[in-house]
Amino acid sequence: MEHSSDARRIRITFDGHSGEFDPGVSAQAATAALSPETARETLCLMHGGACLELGVPLYESCTLTPLRYEDEEGRRVYERS
């Protein structure tokens, strides 16, 4: 789940789990490490009211909320992709 490095680490929280990662880790890699089952169902992520693509690199500590097809916003994302 966690990567080793001497660089400053960032804390990612997802689906009730937290972990420390190297800056620049992709949102998809971090969420898959923290909660694989939820990550498999996730279409995109919400952070601070904005929708993030799974491939976006993360450089700051944050809390990510999964959007799945069963969520209204998740269905909108799916239908537009």
N, C-alpha and C. Protein backbone atom coordinates (compact mmCIF):
# COMPACT_ATOMS: atom_id res chain seq x y z
N MET A 1 0.82 -1.19 0.00
CA MET A 1 0.00 0.00 0.00
C MET A 1 0.85 1.24 0.00
N GLU A 2 1.87 1.27 0.78
CA GLU A 2 2.66 2.49 0.91
C GLU A 2 3.98 2.35 0.20
N HIS A 3 4.46 3.43 -0.33
CA HIS A 3 5.72 3.45 -1.06
C HIS A 3 6.80 4.04 -0.16
N SER A 4 8.05 3.64 -0.38
CA SER A 4 9.12 4.18 0.45
C SER A 4 9.93 5.20 -0.34
N SER A 5 10.29 6.27 0.34
CA SER A 5 11.08 7.33 -0.28
C SER A 5 11.51 8.29 0.82
N ASP A 6 12.59 9.02 0.55
CA ASP A 6 13.03 10.02 1.51
C ASP A 6 12.29 11.34 1.32
N ALA A 7 11.54 11.47 0.23
CA ALA A 7 10.82 12.72 -0.07
C ALA A 7 9.67 12.92 0.91
N ARG A 8 9.19 14.14 0.95
CA ARG A 8 8.02 14.46 1.77
C ARG A 8 6.85 13.58 1.34
N ARG A 9 6.14 13.03 2.28
CA ARG A 9 5.03 12.13 2.01
C ARG A 9 3.71 12.90 2.09
N ILE A 10 2.72 12.39 1.39
CA ILE A 10 1.38 12.97 1.47
C ILE A 10 0.44 11.91 2.03
N ARG A 11 -0.59 12.35 2.74
CA ARG A 11 -1.57 11.43 3.33
C ARG A 11 -2.83 11.49 2.49
N ILE A 12 -3.25 10.33 2.01
CA ILE A 12 -4.47 10.21 1.23
C ILE A 12 -5.48 9.41 2.06
N THR A 13 -6.71 9.92 2.12
CA THR A 13 -7.79 9.22 2.79
C THR A 13 -8.85 8.89 1.74
N PHE A 14 -9.30 7.63 1.76
CA PHE A 14 -10.27 7.15 0.78
C PHE A 14 -11.08 6.02 1.40
N ASP A 15 -12.38 6.14 1.35
CA ASP A 15 -13.27 5.07 1.81
C ASP A 15 -12.98 4.64 3.25
N GLY A 16 -12.65 5.61 4.10
CA GLY A 16 -12.38 5.33 5.51
C GLY A 16 -10.98 4.82 5.82
N HIS A 17 -10.12 4.74 4.82
CA HIS A 17 -8.75 4.27 5.01
C HIS A 17 -7.78 5.39 4.65
N SER A 18 -6.66 5.45 5.36
CA SER A 18 -5.64 6.46 5.08
C SER A 18 -4.28 5.79 4.92
N GLY A 19 -3.45 6.43 4.13
CA GLY A 19 -2.09 5.94 3.94
C GLY A 19 -1.20 7.06 3.46
N GLU A 20 0.09 6.86 3.59
CA GLU A 20 1.07 7.85 3.13
C GLU A 20 1.69 7.38 1.83
N PHE A 21 1.84 8.33 0.90
CA PHE A 21 2.34 8.03 -0.43
C PHE A 21 3.33 9.09 -0.85
N ASP A 22 4.10 8.77 -1.88
CA ASP A 22 5.00 9.75 -2.47
C ASP A 22 4.19 10.77 -3.26
N PRO A 23 4.55 12.04 -3.21
CA PRO A 23 3.87 13.03 -4.05
C PRO A 23 3.93 12.61 -5.52
N GLY A 24 2.83 12.82 -6.24
CA GLY A 24 2.78 12.46 -7.64
C GLY A 24 2.14 11.10 -7.90
N VAL A 25 1.80 10.37 -6.83
CA VAL A 25 1.11 9.09 -7.01
C VAL A 25 -0.22 9.36 -7.71
N SER A 26 -0.63 8.45 -8.59
CA SER A 26 -1.91 8.65 -9.26
C SER A 26 -3.05 8.37 -8.28
N ALA A 27 -4.14 9.06 -8.49
CA ALA A 27 -5.31 8.85 -7.65
C ALA A 27 -5.74 7.38 -7.72
N GLN A 28 -5.66 6.79 -8.89
CA GLN A 28 -6.05 5.39 -9.06
C GLN A 28 -5.16 4.45 -8.25
N ALA A 29 -3.86 4.67 -8.28
CA ALA A 29 -2.94 3.82 -7.53
C ALA A 29 -3.16 3.95 -6.03
N ALA A 30 -3.36 5.17 -5.55
CA ALA A 30 -3.57 5.39 -4.12
C ALA A 30 -4.88 4.76 -3.66
N THR A 31 -5.95 4.96 -4.41
CA THR A 31 -7.24 4.41 -3.99
C THR A 31 -7.25 2.89 -4.06
N ALA A 32 -6.59 2.32 -5.06
CA ALA A 32 -6.52 0.87 -5.18
C ALA A 32 -5.74 0.27 -4.02
N ALA A 33 -4.72 0.96 -3.56
CA ALA A 33 -3.93 0.47 -2.42
C ALA A 33 -4.72 0.56 -1.12
N LEU A 34 -5.55 1.58 -0.99
CA LEU A 34 -6.28 1.80 0.25
C LEU A 34 -7.55 0.96 0.36
N SER A 35 -8.27 0.80 -0.72
CA SER A 35 -9.54 0.06 -0.69
C SER A 35 -9.80 -0.54 -2.07
N PRO A 36 -9.18 -1.68 -2.38
CA PRO A 36 -9.25 -2.25 -3.73
C PRO A 36 -10.68 -2.48 -4.24
N GLU A 37 -11.55 -3.00 -3.40
CA GLU A 37 -12.92 -3.30 -3.85
C GLU A 37 -13.66 -2.02 -4.24
N THR A 38 -13.59 -0.99 -3.41
CA THR A 38 -14.24 0.27 -3.73
C THR A 38 -13.60 0.92 -4.94
N ALA A 39 -12.29 0.86 -5.04
CA ALA A 39 -11.58 1.46 -6.16
C ALA A 39 -12.01 0.84 -7.49
N ARG A 40 -12.28 -0.46 -7.51
CA ARG A 40 -12.70 -1.13 -8.76
C ARG A 40 -14.04 -0.59 -9.26
N GLU A 41 -14.89 -0.13 -8.35
CA GLU A 41 -16.23 0.37 -8.72
C GLU A 41 -16.24 1.87 -8.96
N THR A 42 -15.13 2.54 -8.73
CA THR A 42 -15.06 4.00 -8.80
C THR A 42 -14.86 4.49 -10.22
N LEU A 43 -15.74 5.41 -10.65
CA LEU A 43 -15.64 6.00 -12.00
C LEU A 43 -14.77 7.25 -11.99
N CYS A 44 -14.87 8.03 -10.92
CA CYS A 44 -14.05 9.22 -10.73
C CYS A 44 -14.09 9.55 -9.25
N LEU A 45 -13.41 10.60 -8.86
CA LEU A 45 -13.28 10.95 -7.45
C LEU A 45 -13.69 12.39 -7.21
N MET A 46 -14.28 12.64 -6.06
CA MET A 46 -14.59 14.01 -5.67
C MET A 46 -13.56 14.46 -4.64
N HIS A 47 -13.10 15.69 -4.83
CA HIS A 47 -12.18 16.31 -3.88
C HIS A 47 -12.46 17.81 -3.87
N GLY A 48 -12.88 18.32 -2.73
CA GLY A 48 -13.14 19.75 -2.60
C GLY A 48 -14.21 20.26 -3.55
N GLY A 49 -15.21 19.43 -3.84
CA GLY A 49 -16.29 19.84 -4.73
C GLY A 49 -15.98 19.69 -6.20
N ALA A 50 -14.78 19.22 -6.53
CA ALA A 50 -14.40 19.03 -7.93
C ALA A 50 -14.27 17.54 -8.23
N CYS A 51 -14.61 17.18 -9.45
CA CYS A 51 -14.49 15.81 -9.91
C CYS A 51 -13.08 15.60 -10.49
N LEU A 52 -12.39 14.57 -10.01
CA LEU A 52 -11.04 14.26 -10.49
C LEU A 52 -11.05 12.96 -11.28
N GLU A 53 -10.31 12.93 -12.37
CA GLU A 53 -10.11 11.68 -13.10
C GLU A 53 -9.18 10.78 -12.30
N LEU A 54 -9.30 9.49 -12.52
CA LEU A 54 -8.51 8.53 -11.75
C LEU A 54 -7.01 8.63 -12.01
N GLY A 55 -6.62 9.07 -13.18
CA GLY A 55 -5.20 9.14 -13.52
C GLY A 55 -4.49 10.38 -13.05
N VAL A 56 -5.20 11.30 -12.41
CA VAL A 56 -4.59 12.56 -12.00
C VAL A 56 -3.53 12.31 -10.91
N PRO A 57 -2.37 12.94 -11.01
CA PRO A 57 -1.36 12.80 -9.95
C PRO A 57 -1.74 13.66 -8.74
N LEU A 58 -1.45 13.15 -7.57
CA LEU A 58 -1.75 13.84 -6.31
C LEU A 58 -0.45 14.36 -5.70
N TYR A 59 -0.43 15.63 -5.37
CA TYR A 59 0.77 16.25 -4.80
C TYR A 59 0.58 16.78 -3.40
N GLU A 60 -0.67 16.76 -2.91
CA GLU A 60 -0.96 17.26 -1.56
C GLU A 60 -1.84 16.25 -0.84
N SER A 61 -1.77 16.26 0.47
CA SER A 61 -2.64 15.41 1.27
C SER A 61 -4.09 15.78 1.00
N CYS A 62 -4.95 14.77 0.95
CA CYS A 62 -6.35 15.04 0.66
C CYS A 62 -7.24 13.86 1.05
N THR A 63 -8.53 14.14 1.06
CA THR A 63 -9.55 13.11 1.24
C THR A 63 -10.30 13.00 -0.07
N LEU A 64 -10.40 11.79 -0.58
CA LEU A 64 -11.06 11.53 -1.86
C LEU A 64 -12.34 10.74 -1.62
N THR A 65 -13.40 11.14 -2.30
CA THR A 65 -14.68 10.46 -2.19
C THR A 65 -14.97 9.76 -3.51
N PRO A 66 -15.29 8.46 -3.46
CA PRO A 66 -15.55 7.74 -4.71
C PRO A 66 -16.91 8.12 -5.30
N LEU A 67 -16.97 8.20 -6.61
CA LEU A 67 -18.23 8.31 -7.33
C LEU A 67 -18.38 7.04 -8.15
N ARG A 68 -19.47 6.34 -7.90
CA ARG A 68 -19.76 5.08 -8.60
C ARG A 68 -21.00 5.26 -9.45
N TYR A 69 -21.29 4.28 -10.27
CA TYR A 69 -22.44 4.37 -11.16
C TYR A 69 -23.73 4.55 -10.38
N GLU A 70 -23.83 3.96 -9.21
CA GLU A 70 -25.08 4.08 -8.43
C GLU A 70 -25.29 5.50 -7.87
N ASP A 71 -24.26 6.33 -7.87
CA ASP A 71 -24.39 7.73 -7.44
C ASP A 71 -24.87 8.57 -8.62
N GLU A 72 -25.76 9.52 -8.36
CA GLU A 72 -26.28 10.35 -9.44
C GLU A 72 -25.16 11.04 -10.22
N GLU A 73 -24.21 11.63 -9.51
CA GLU A 73 -23.09 12.30 -10.17
C GLU A 73 -22.23 11.30 -10.93
N GLY A 74 -22.07 10.10 -10.38
CA GLY A 74 -21.31 9.05 -11.06
C GLY A 74 -21.96 8.64 -12.37
N ARG A 75 -23.29 8.53 -12.39
CA ARG A 75 -24.00 8.21 -13.64
C ARG A 75 -23.80 9.30 -14.69
N ARG A 76 -23.82 10.57 -14.25
CA ARG A 76 -23.60 11.67 -15.20
C ARG A 76 -22.21 11.57 -15.82
N VAL A 77 -21.22 11.28 -14.98
CA VAL A 77 -19.85 11.13 -15.50
C VAL A 77 -19.79 9.99 -16.49
N TYR A 78 -20.38 8.87 -16.15
CA TYR A 78 -20.36 7.69 -17.02
C TYR A 78 -21.03 7.98 -18.36
N GLU A 79 -22.18 8.65 -18.32
CA GLU A 79 -22.93 8.92 -19.54
C GLU A 79 -22.22 9.94 -20.44
N ARG A 80 -21.37 10.77 -19.87
CA ARG A 80 -20.63 11.77 -20.66
C ARG A 80 -19.30 11.27 -21.18
N SER A 81 -18.87 10.11 -20.68
CA SER A 81 -17.55 9.61 -21.10
C SER A 81 -17.64 8.72 -22.31
